[in-house]
Amino acid sequence: MRPYKTKLICWIFLLVIVLLTLFSAYITPYESNTMNMDAVYEAPSQSHWFGTDHLGRDVLTRLLAGGKVTLIVAALSTILSLFLGLIYGGISGYFGGRIDSLLMRLLEVFLTIPSLLIILVFQAFMQGSVWSILLIIGLTSWYTTARIVRTEFLKLSQLEFVQVAKMIGTPVWKILVSHLLRNSMEAVFVVTLFNFAGAIFIEVSLSFLGIGVSPAVPSWGNMLFHAQSDFITGAWWVGIFPGLLIMFTVLSINIIGSSTFRTKRG
């Protein structure tokens, strides 16, 4: 299959997933947290397409509702990391010199601190809320964005049109936005896509370990966390469907990002 067709399929898949999760309340007749002890561990059927879990909850409903939580957490944390990365990398790349050297040394210090340690510290103060996990991911995933933005700004700052803009007294904010950021959008878009995929993976991983979103809130990670014991009982559908959806979602985002990166380099 040609690369552009693969990329198009990935875009369509992501669009479908986003629409299904956003309008999940209108798609299935069940509530995500409604328990039915008479329908515990029902295998996939016409009434429950993806089966039910240990509390008789419809897996498809929880998958769509959980996807909304996971995707919103990933999207907002990615926006936060993008904002921080643009500011930090933009200042470093535009001014260069000692400012650049100082900011890069500080960034290297941040990179030496294990993300897990930062996550555990944050979780000690803000346990189990969606906002806490959102902040944690956003505050620990902007480093790559900052380095990419800094590299692009340093390169563009040496070009003639930027030097002329500085000479004629163009406001700094206008140079940053209209000259540097606008011409760095492809690189920023690619790193943002990878950060988005990474944010989904982090949320799923943390919730799977029991230190992410509160177990009372459905998310893809929480579904996998609860599915650990379900496999023992033979209820394979409780964990398989969330696992497949997570895998294909992250894979689609990475394929789009890789394809865009190759196009940019070409």
C-alpha atoms as a PDB file:
ATOM      1  CA  MET A   1       0.000   0.000   0.000  1.00  0.00           C
ATOM      2  CA  ARG A   2       1.291   3.472  -0.906  1.00  0.00           C
ATOM      3  CA  PRO A   3       2.355   5.725   1.976  1.00  0.00           C
ATOM      4  CA  TYR A   4      -0.277   8.390   1.307  1.00  0.00           C
ATOM      5  CA  LYS A   5      -3.050   5.772   1.311  1.00  0.00           C
ATOM      6  CA  THR A   6      -1.779   4.365   4.601  1.00  0.00           C
ATOM      7  CA  LYS A   7      -1.684   7.869   6.044  1.00  0.00           C
ATOM      8  CA  LEU A   8      -5.227   8.556   4.821  1.00  0.00           C
ATOM      9  CA  ILE A   9      -6.513   5.337   6.388  1.00  0.00           C
ATOM     10  CA  CYS A  10      -4.876   6.313   9.687  1.00  0.00           C
ATOM     11  CA  TRP A  11      -6.488   9.760   9.584  1.00  0.00           C
ATOM     12  CA  ILE A  12      -9.901   8.222   8.885  1.00  0.00           C
ATOM     13  CA  PHE A  13      -9.438   5.701  11.705  1.00  0.00           C
ATOM     14  CA  LEU A  14      -8.514   8.450  14.183  1.00  0.00           C
ATOM     15  CA  LEU A  15     -11.440  10.602  13.076  1.00  0.00           C
ATOM     16  CA  VAL A  16     -13.844   7.692  13.561  1.00  0.00           C
ATOM     17  CA  ILE A  17     -12.423   6.952  17.033  1.00  0.00           C
ATOM     18  CA  VAL A  18     -12.695  10.601  18.078  1.00  0.00           C
ATOM     19  CA  LEU A  19     -16.290  10.874  16.840  1.00  0.00           C
ATOM     20  CA  LEU A  20     -17.304   7.592  18.482  1.00  0.00           C
ATOM     21  CA  THR A  21     -15.852   8.604  21.833  1.00  0.00           C
ATOM     22  CA  LEU A  22     -17.278  12.126  21.746  1.00  0.00           C
ATOM     23  CA  PHE A  23     -20.775  10.897  20.930  1.00  0.00           C
ATOM     24  CA  SER A  24     -20.585   7.684  22.954  1.00  0.00           C
ATOM     25  CA  ALA A  25     -23.699   8.616  24.960  1.00  0.00           C
ATOM     26  CA  TYR A  26     -25.799   8.395  21.770  1.00  0.00           C
ATOM     27  CA  ILE A  27     -24.263   5.186  20.393  1.00  0.00           C
ATOM     28  CA  THR A  28     -24.943   2.528  23.038  1.00  0.00           C
ATOM     29  CA  PRO A  29     -28.071   2.129  25.190  1.00  0.00           C
ATOM     30  CA  TYR A  30     -26.069   1.464  28.358  1.00  0.00           C
ATOM     31  CA  GLU A  31     -24.450   3.694  30.969  1.00  0.00           C
ATOM     32  CA  SER A  32     -20.703   3.254  31.480  1.00  0.00           C
ATOM     33  CA  ASN A  33     -20.995   2.691  35.262  1.00  0.00           C
ATOM     34  CA  THR A  34     -24.352   0.912  35.398  1.00  0.00           C
ATOM     35  CA  MET A  35     -23.890  -2.518  36.977  1.00  0.00           C
ATOM     36  CA  ASN A  36     -25.957  -5.589  36.167  1.00  0.00           C
ATOM     37  CA  MET A  37     -25.038  -8.548  38.368  1.00  0.00           C
ATOM     38  CA  ASP A  38     -27.264 -10.820  36.250  1.00  0.00           C
ATOM     39  CA  ALA A  39     -25.023 -10.204  33.221  1.00  0.00           C
ATOM     40  CA  VAL A  40     -21.563 -10.712  34.717  1.00  0.00           C
ATOM     41  CA  TYR A  41     -18.870 -11.832  32.255  1.00  0.00           C
ATOM     42  CA  GLU A  42     -21.215 -12.241  29.316  1.00  0.00           C
ATOM     43  CA  ALA A  43     -19.322 -13.072  26.143  1.00  0.00           C
ATOM     44  CA  PRO A  44     -19.730 -10.829  23.075  1.00  0.00           C
ATOM     45  CA  SER A  45     -23.282 -11.120  21.743  1.00  0.00           C
ATOM     46  CA  GLN A  46     -25.960  -9.144  19.938  1.00  0.00           C
ATOM     47  CA  SER A  47     -26.996  -7.412  23.174  1.00  0.00           C
ATOM     48  CA  HIS A  48     -23.406  -6.726  24.264  1.00  0.00           C
ATOM     49  CA  TRP A  49     -21.144  -6.544  21.214  1.00  0.00           C
ATOM     50  CA  PHE A  50     -17.932  -6.525  23.262  1.00  0.00           C
ATOM     51  CA  GLY A  51     -19.329  -8.497  26.223  1.00  0.00           C
ATOM     52  CA  THR A  52     -19.564  -7.404  29.853  1.00  0.00           C
ATOM     53  CA  ASP A  53     -17.072  -7.159  32.718  1.00  0.00           C
ATOM     54  CA  HIS A  54     -17.002  -8.463  36.303  1.00  0.00           C
ATOM     55  CA  LEU A  55     -19.764  -6.063  37.335  1.00  0.00           C
ATOM     56  CA  GLY A  56     -21.978  -6.686  34.333  1.00  0.00           C
ATOM     57  CA  ARG A  57     -21.053  -3.356  32.716  1.00  0.00           C
ATOM     58  CA  ASP A  58     -21.103  -3.149  28.932  1.00  0.00           C
ATOM     59  CA  VAL A  59     -17.494  -3.217  27.683  1.00  0.00           C
ATOM     60  CA  LEU A  60     -18.217  -1.296  24.469  1.00  0.00           C
ATOM     61  CA  THR A  61     -19.878   1.528  26.401  1.00  0.00           C
ATOM     62  CA  ARG A  62     -16.960   1.741  28.829  1.00  0.00           C
ATOM     63  CA  LEU A  63     -14.503   1.533  25.939  1.00  0.00           C
ATOM     64  CA  LEU A  64     -16.046   4.564  24.246  1.00  0.00           C
ATOM     65  CA  ALA A  65     -16.533   6.518  27.484  1.00  0.00           C
ATOM     66  CA  GLY A  66     -13.014   5.628  28.599  1.00  0.00           C
ATOM     67  CA  GLY A  67     -11.649   6.667  25.232  1.00  0.00           C
ATOM     68  CA  LYS A  68     -13.141  10.107  25.721  1.00  0.00           C
ATOM     69  CA  VAL A  69     -11.302  10.476  29.027  1.00  0.00           C
ATOM     70  CA  THR A  70      -8.008   9.132  27.680  1.00  0.00           C
ATOM     71  CA  LEU A  71      -8.081  11.223  24.496  1.00  0.00           C
ATOM     72  CA  ILE A  72      -9.069  14.408  26.334  1.00  0.00           C
ATOM     73  CA  VAL A  73      -6.285  13.904  28.879  1.00  0.00           C
ATOM     74  CA  ALA A  74      -3.801  13.225  26.075  1.00  0.00           C
ATOM     75  CA  ALA A  75      -4.965  16.184  23.965  1.00  0.00           C
ATOM     76  CA  LEU A  76      -4.961  18.760  26.764  1.00  0.00           C
ATOM     77  CA  SER A  77      -1.641  17.576  28.179  1.00  0.00           C
ATOM     78  CA  THR A  78      -0.155  17.749  24.673  1.00  0.00           C
ATOM     79  CA  ILE A  79      -1.418  21.309  24.271  1.00  0.00           C
ATOM     80  CA  LEU A  80       0.163  22.198  27.623  1.00  0.00           C
ATOM     81  CA  SER A  81       3.485  20.600  26.655  1.00  0.00           C
ATOM     82  CA  LEU A  82       3.344  22.348  23.260  1.00  0.00           C
ATOM     83  CA  PHE A  83       2.780  25.718  24.929  1.00  0.00           C
ATOM     84  CA  LEU A  84       5.676  25.229  27.355  1.00  0.00           C
ATOM     85  CA  GLY A  85       7.968  23.875  24.649  1.00  0.00           C
ATOM     86  CA  LEU A  86       7.241  26.761  22.286  1.00  0.00           C
ATOM     87  CA  ILE A  87       7.973  29.382  24.931  1.00  0.00           C
ATOM     88  CA  TYR A  88      11.109  27.721  26.292  1.00  0.00           C
ATOM     89  CA  GLY A  89      12.552  26.653  22.939  1.00  0.00           C
ATOM     90  CA  GLY A  90      11.526  29.897  21.252  1.00  0.00           C
ATOM     91  CA  ILE A  91      13.330  32.081  23.781  1.00  0.00           C
ATOM     92  CA  SER A  92      16.413  29.868  23.641  1.00  0.00           C
ATOM     93  CA  GLY A  93      16.544  29.734  19.854  1.00  0.00           C
ATOM     94  CA  TYR A  94      15.764  33.383  19.194  1.00  0.00           C
ATOM     95  CA  PHE A  95      18.177  35.012  21.612  1.00  0.00           C
ATOM     96  CA  GLY A  96      20.936  32.365  21.406  1.00  0.00           C
ATOM     97  CA  GLY A  97      24.281  33.067  23.072  1.00  0.00           C
ATOM     98  CA  ARG A  98      24.443  32.864  26.856  1.00  0.00           C
ATOM     99  CA  ILE A  99      20.674  32.679  27.233  1.00  0.00           C
ATOM    100  CA  ASP A 100      20.557  29.684  24.921  1.00  0.00           C
ATOM    101  CA  SER A 101      23.457  28.016  26.709  1.00  0.00           C
ATOM    102  CA  LEU A 102      21.875  28.561  30.142  1.00  0.00           C
ATOM    103  CA  LEU A 103      18.451  27.306  29.084  1.00  0.00           C
ATOM    104  CA  MET A 104      19.891  24.227  27.377  1.00  0.00           C
ATOM    105  CA  ARG A 105      21.964  23.325  30.440  1.00  0.00           C
ATOM    106  CA  LEU A 106      18.840  23.685  32.566  1.00  0.00           C
ATOM    107  CA  LEU A 107      16.913  21.509  30.122  1.00  0.00           C
ATOM    108  CA  GLU A 108      19.589  18.839  30.391  1.00  0.00           C
ATOM    109  CA  VAL A 109      19.101  18.876  34.162  1.00  0.00           C
ATOM    110  CA  PHE A 110      15.364  18.293  33.647  1.00  0.00           C
ATOM    111  CA  LEU A 111      16.128  15.391  31.319  1.00  0.00           C
ATOM    112  CA  THR A 112      18.283  13.695  33.953  1.00  0.00           C
ATOM    113  CA  ILE A 113      15.393  13.558  36.431  1.00  0.00           C
ATOM    114  CA  PRO A 114      13.383  10.340  35.890  1.00  0.00           C
ATOM    115  CA  SER A 115       9.833  11.123  34.801  1.00  0.00           C
ATOM    116  CA  LEU A 116       8.518   8.419  37.132  1.00  0.00           C
ATOM    117  CA  LEU A 117       9.967  10.251  40.135  1.00  0.00           C
ATOM    118  CA  ILE A 118       8.248  13.478  39.116  1.00  0.00           C
ATOM    119  CA  ILE A 119       4.985  11.597  38.558  1.00  0.00           C
ATOM    120  CA  LEU A 120       5.110  10.003  41.996  1.00  0.00           C
ATOM    121  CA  VAL A 121       5.810  13.363  43.656  1.00  0.00           C
ATOM    122  CA  PHE A 122       2.851  14.954  41.875  1.00  0.00           C
ATOM    123  CA  GLN A 123       0.580  12.038  42.690  1.00  0.00           C
ATOM    124  CA  ALA A 124       1.420  12.406  46.380  1.00  0.00           C
ATOM    125  CA  PHE A 125      -0.294  15.816  46.317  1.00  0.00           C
ATOM    126  CA  MET A 126      -2.993  15.301  43.669  1.00  0.00           C
ATOM    127  CA  GLN A 127      -4.178  11.727  43.818  1.00  0.00           C
ATOM    128  CA  GLY A 128      -6.255  10.140  41.136  1.00  0.00           C
ATOM    129  CA  SER A 129      -7.904  13.122  39.438  1.00  0.00           C
ATOM    130  CA  VAL A 130      -8.080  13.655  35.700  1.00  0.00           C
ATOM    131  CA  TRP A 131      -6.586  17.123  36.104  1.00  0.00           C
ATOM    132  CA  SER A 132      -3.623  15.842  38.072  1.00  0.00           C
ATOM    133  CA  ILE A 133      -2.655  13.254  35.472  1.00  0.00           C
ATOM    134  CA  LEU A 134      -3.164  15.866  32.758  1.00  0.00           C
ATOM    135  CA  LEU A 135      -0.777  18.262  34.487  1.00  0.00           C
ATOM    136  CA  ILE A 136       1.754  15.531  35.171  1.00  0.00           C
ATOM    137  CA  ILE A 137       1.929  14.468  31.534  1.00  0.00           C
ATOM    138  CA  GLY A 138       2.012  18.048  30.247  1.00  0.00           C
ATOM    139  CA  LEU A 139       4.741  19.153  32.660  1.00  0.00           C
ATOM    140  CA  THR A 140       7.001  16.192  31.865  1.00  0.00           C
ATOM    141  CA  SER A 141       6.668  15.938  28.079  1.00  0.00           C
ATOM    142  CA  TRP A 142       7.628  19.383  26.721  1.00  0.00           C
ATOM    143  CA  TYR A 143      11.386  18.804  26.629  1.00  0.00           C
ATOM    144  CA  THR A 144      11.533  17.378  23.098  1.00  0.00           C
ATOM    145  CA  THR A 145       9.287  20.137  21.781  1.00  0.00           C
ATOM    146  CA  ALA A 146      11.588  22.758  23.301  1.00  0.00           C
ATOM    147  CA  ARG A 147      14.677  21.221  21.694  1.00  0.00           C
ATOM    148  CA  ILE A 148      13.021  20.978  18.271  1.00  0.00           C
ATOM    149  CA  VAL A 149      11.725  24.555  18.423  1.00  0.00           C
ATOM    150  CA  ARG A 150      15.103  25.811  19.607  1.00  0.00           C
ATOM    151  CA  THR A 151      16.889  24.059  16.717  1.00  0.00           C
ATOM    152  CA  GLU A 152      14.439  25.406  14.125  1.00  0.00           C
ATOM    153  CA  PHE A 153      14.594  28.953  15.497  1.00  0.00           C
ATOM    154  CA  LEU A 154      18.405  28.944  15.575  1.00  0.00           C
ATOM    155  CA  LYS A 155      18.505  27.810  11.962  1.00  0.00           C
ATOM    156  CA  LEU A 156      15.900  30.287  10.747  1.00  0.00           C
ATOM    157  CA  SER A 157      17.433  33.196  12.691  1.00  0.00           C
ATOM    158  CA  GLN A 158      20.481  33.020  10.439  1.00  0.00           C
ATOM    159  CA  LEU A 159      18.462  33.449   7.268  1.00  0.00           C
ATOM    160  CA  GLU A 160      18.375  36.743   5.434  1.00  0.00           C
ATOM    161  CA  PHE A 161      14.664  37.523   5.756  1.00  0.00           C
ATOM    162  CA  VAL A 162      14.873  37.280   9.564  1.00  0.00           C
ATOM    163  CA  GLN A 163      18.022  39.416   9.711  1.00  0.00           C
ATOM    164  CA  VAL A 164      16.314  42.060   7.568  1.00  0.00           C
ATOM    165  CA  ALA A 165      13.249  41.995   9.839  1.00  0.00           C
ATOM    166  CA  LYS A 166      15.491  42.648  12.842  1.00  0.00           C
ATOM    167  CA  MET A 167      17.321  45.490  11.048  1.00  0.00           C
ATOM    168  CA  ILE A 168      14.145  47.366  10.143  1.00  0.00           C
ATOM    169  CA  GLY A 169      12.862  47.160  13.718  1.00  0.00           C
ATOM    170  CA  THR A 170      10.124  44.558  13.366  1.00  0.00           C
ATOM    171  CA  PRO A 171       8.637  43.807  16.813  1.00  0.00           C
ATOM    172  CA  VAL A 172      10.112  40.722  18.451  1.00  0.00           C
ATOM    173  CA  TRP A 173       6.720  39.060  18.854  1.00  0.00           C
ATOM    174  CA  LYS A 174       6.040  39.446  15.142  1.00  0.00           C
ATOM    175  CA  ILE A 175       9.405  37.926  14.196  1.00  0.00           C
ATOM    176  CA  LEU A 176       8.782  35.028  16.557  1.00  0.00           C
ATOM    177  CA  VAL A 177       5.281  34.319  15.285  1.00  0.00           C
ATOM    178  CA  SER A 178       5.280  35.355  11.630  1.00  0.00           C
ATOM    179  CA  HIS A 179       8.848  34.530  10.642  1.00  0.00           C
ATOM    180  CA  LEU A 180      10.121  31.802  12.944  1.00  0.00           C
ATOM    181  CA  LEU A 181       7.114  29.880  14.243  1.00  0.00           C
ATOM    182  CA  ARG A 182       5.237  29.911  10.951  1.00  0.00           C
ATOM    183  CA  ASN A 183       8.245  28.420   9.162  1.00  0.00           C
ATOM    184  CA  SER A 184       8.710  25.817  11.898  1.00  0.00           C
ATOM    185  CA  MET A 185       5.149  24.514  11.886  1.00  0.00           C
ATOM    186  CA  GLU A 186       5.926  21.252  10.074  1.00  0.00           C
ATOM    187  CA  ALA A 187       8.523  20.224  12.636  1.00  0.00           C
ATOM    188  CA  VAL A 188       6.296  21.371  15.507  1.00  0.00           C
ATOM    189  CA  PHE A 189       3.356  19.433  14.066  1.00  0.00           C
ATOM    190  CA  VAL A 190       5.384  16.222  13.842  1.00  0.00           C
ATOM    191  CA  VAL A 191       6.740  16.421  17.400  1.00  0.00           C
ATOM    192  CA  THR A 192       3.245  17.284  18.678  1.00  0.00           C
ATOM    193  CA  LEU A 193       1.834  14.161  17.050  1.00  0.00           C
ATOM    194  CA  PHE A 194       4.477  12.001  18.712  1.00  0.00           C
ATOM    195  CA  ASN A 195       3.822  13.743  22.034  1.00  0.00           C
ATOM    196  CA  PHE A 196       0.111  13.015  21.643  1.00  0.00           C
ATOM    197  CA  ALA A 197       0.789   9.313  21.077  1.00  0.00           C
ATOM    198  CA  GLY A 198       3.166   9.352  24.031  1.00  0.00           C
ATOM    199  CA  ALA A 199       0.563  11.032  26.242  1.00  0.00           C
ATOM    200  CA  ILE A 200      -1.963   8.282  25.454  1.00  0.00           C
ATOM    201  CA  PHE A 201       0.632   5.658  26.309  1.00  0.00           C
ATOM    202  CA  ILE A 202       1.566   7.397  29.582  1.00  0.00           C
ATOM    203  CA  GLU A 203      -2.060   7.723  30.710  1.00  0.00           C
ATOM    204  CA  VAL A 204      -2.723   4.087  29.892  1.00  0.00           C
ATOM    205  CA  SER A 205       0.470   2.968  31.641  1.00  0.00           C
ATOM    206  CA  LEU A 206      -0.137   4.974  34.806  1.00  0.00           C
ATOM    207  CA  SER A 207      -3.778   3.924  35.091  1.00  0.00           C
ATOM    208  CA  PHE A 208      -2.776   0.317  34.412  1.00  0.00           C
ATOM    209  CA  LEU A 209      -0.348   0.543  37.333  1.00  0.00           C
ATOM    210  CA  GLY A 210      -3.051   2.035  39.540  1.00  0.00           C
ATOM    211  CA  ILE A 211      -1.473   5.492  39.917  1.00  0.00           C
ATOM    212  CA  GLY A 212      -3.294   7.290  37.130  1.00  0.00           C
ATOM    213  CA  VAL A 213      -6.920   8.293  36.685  1.00  0.00           C
ATOM    214  CA  SER A 214      -9.207   7.300  39.566  1.00  0.00           C
ATOM    215  CA  PRO A 215     -10.564   3.749  39.166  1.00  0.00           C
ATOM    216  CA  ALA A 216     -14.080   5.201  39.398  1.00  0.00           C
ATOM    217  CA  VAL A 217     -13.505   7.071  36.127  1.00  0.00           C
ATOM    218  CA  PRO A 218     -13.528   4.874  33.007  1.00  0.00           C
ATOM    219  CA  SER A 219     -10.406   5.168  30.870  1.00  0.00           C
ATOM    220  CA  TRP A 220      -8.512   2.802  28.604  1.00  0.00           C
ATOM    221  CA  GLY A 221      -5.807   2.361  31.224  1.00  0.00           C
ATOM    222  CA  ASN A 222      -8.308   1.627  33.986  1.00  0.00           C
ATOM    223  CA  MET A 223     -10.016  -0.956  31.798  1.00  0.00           C
ATOM    224  CA  LEU A 224      -6.718  -2.784  31.359  1.00  0.00           C
ATOM    225  CA  PHE A 225      -6.039  -2.495  35.094  1.00  0.00           C
ATOM    226  CA  HIS A 226      -9.312  -4.248  35.941  1.00  0.00           C
ATOM    227  CA  ALA A 227      -8.887  -6.760  33.118  1.00  0.00           C
ATOM    228  CA  GLN A 228      -5.816  -8.324  34.744  1.00  0.00           C
ATOM    229  CA  SER A 229      -7.955 -10.568  36.912  1.00  0.00           C
ATOM    230  CA  ASP A 230     -10.552 -11.086  34.197  1.00  0.00           C
ATOM    231  CA  PHE A 231      -8.131 -13.043  32.009  1.00  0.00           C
ATOM    232  CA  ILE A 232      -7.824 -15.647  34.758  1.00  0.00           C
ATOM    233  CA  THR A 233     -11.579 -16.275  34.633  1.00  0.00           C
ATOM    234  CA  GLY A 234     -11.472 -16.656  30.844  1.00  0.00           C
ATOM    235  CA  ALA A 235     -13.098 -13.284  30.089  1.00  0.00           C
ATOM    236  CA  TRP A 236     -10.589 -12.413  27.374  1.00  0.00           C
ATOM    237  CA  TRP A 237     -12.825  -9.781  25.784  1.00  0.00           C
ATOM    238  CA  VAL A 238     -12.559  -7.416  28.767  1.00  0.00           C
ATOM    239  CA  GLY A 239      -8.872  -6.725  28.076  1.00  0.00           C
ATOM    240  CA  ILE A 240      -8.470  -7.624  24.390  1.00  0.00           C
ATOM    241  CA  PHE A 241     -10.729  -4.935  22.946  1.00  0.00           C
ATOM    242  CA  PRO A 242      -9.213  -2.007  24.916  1.00  0.00           C
ATOM    243  CA  GLY A 243      -5.727  -3.340  24.163  1.00  0.00           C
ATOM    244  CA  LEU A 244      -6.389  -3.518  20.424  1.00  0.00           C
ATOM    245  CA  LEU A 245      -7.949  -0.052  20.319  1.00  0.00           C
ATOM    246  CA  ILE A 246      -5.019   1.469  22.227  1.00  0.00           C
ATOM    247  CA  MET A 247      -2.521  -0.271  19.941  1.00  0.00           C
ATOM    248  CA  PHE A 248      -4.193   0.821  16.690  1.00  0.00           C
ATOM    249  CA  THR A 249      -4.757   4.382  17.914  1.00  0.00           C
ATOM    250  CA  VAL A 250      -1.137   4.919  18.964  1.00  0.00           C
ATOM    251  CA  LEU A 251       0.103   3.126  15.830  1.00  0.00           C
ATOM    252  CA  SER A 252      -2.023   5.347  13.578  1.00  0.00           C
ATOM    253  CA  ILE A 253      -0.715   8.516  15.195  1.00  0.00           C
ATOM    254  CA  ASN A 254       2.889   7.323  14.884  1.00  0.00           C
ATOM    255  CA  ILE A 255       2.398   6.368  11.226  1.00  0.00           C
ATOM    256  CA  ILE A 256       0.997   9.827  10.453  1.00  0.00           C
ATOM    257  CA  GLY A 257       3.870  11.473  12.300  1.00  0.00           C
ATOM    258  CA  SER A 258       6.521   9.308  10.607  1.00  0.00           C
ATOM    259  CA  SER A 259       4.991   9.882   7.173  1.00  0.00           C
ATOM    260  CA  THR A 260       4.875  13.646   7.720  1.00  0.00           C
ATOM    261  CA  PHE A 261       8.491  13.610   8.940  1.00  0.00           C
ATOM    262  CA  ARG A 262       9.676  11.718   5.845  1.00  0.00           C
ATOM    263  CA  THR A 263       7.768  14.124   3.605  1.00  0.00           C
ATOM    264  CA  LYS A 264       9.377  17.095   5.356  1.00  0.00           C
ATOM    265  CA  ARG A 265      12.866  15.642   4.962  1.00  0.00           C
ATOM    266  CA  GLY A 266      12.183  14.783   1.348  1.00  0.00           C
END
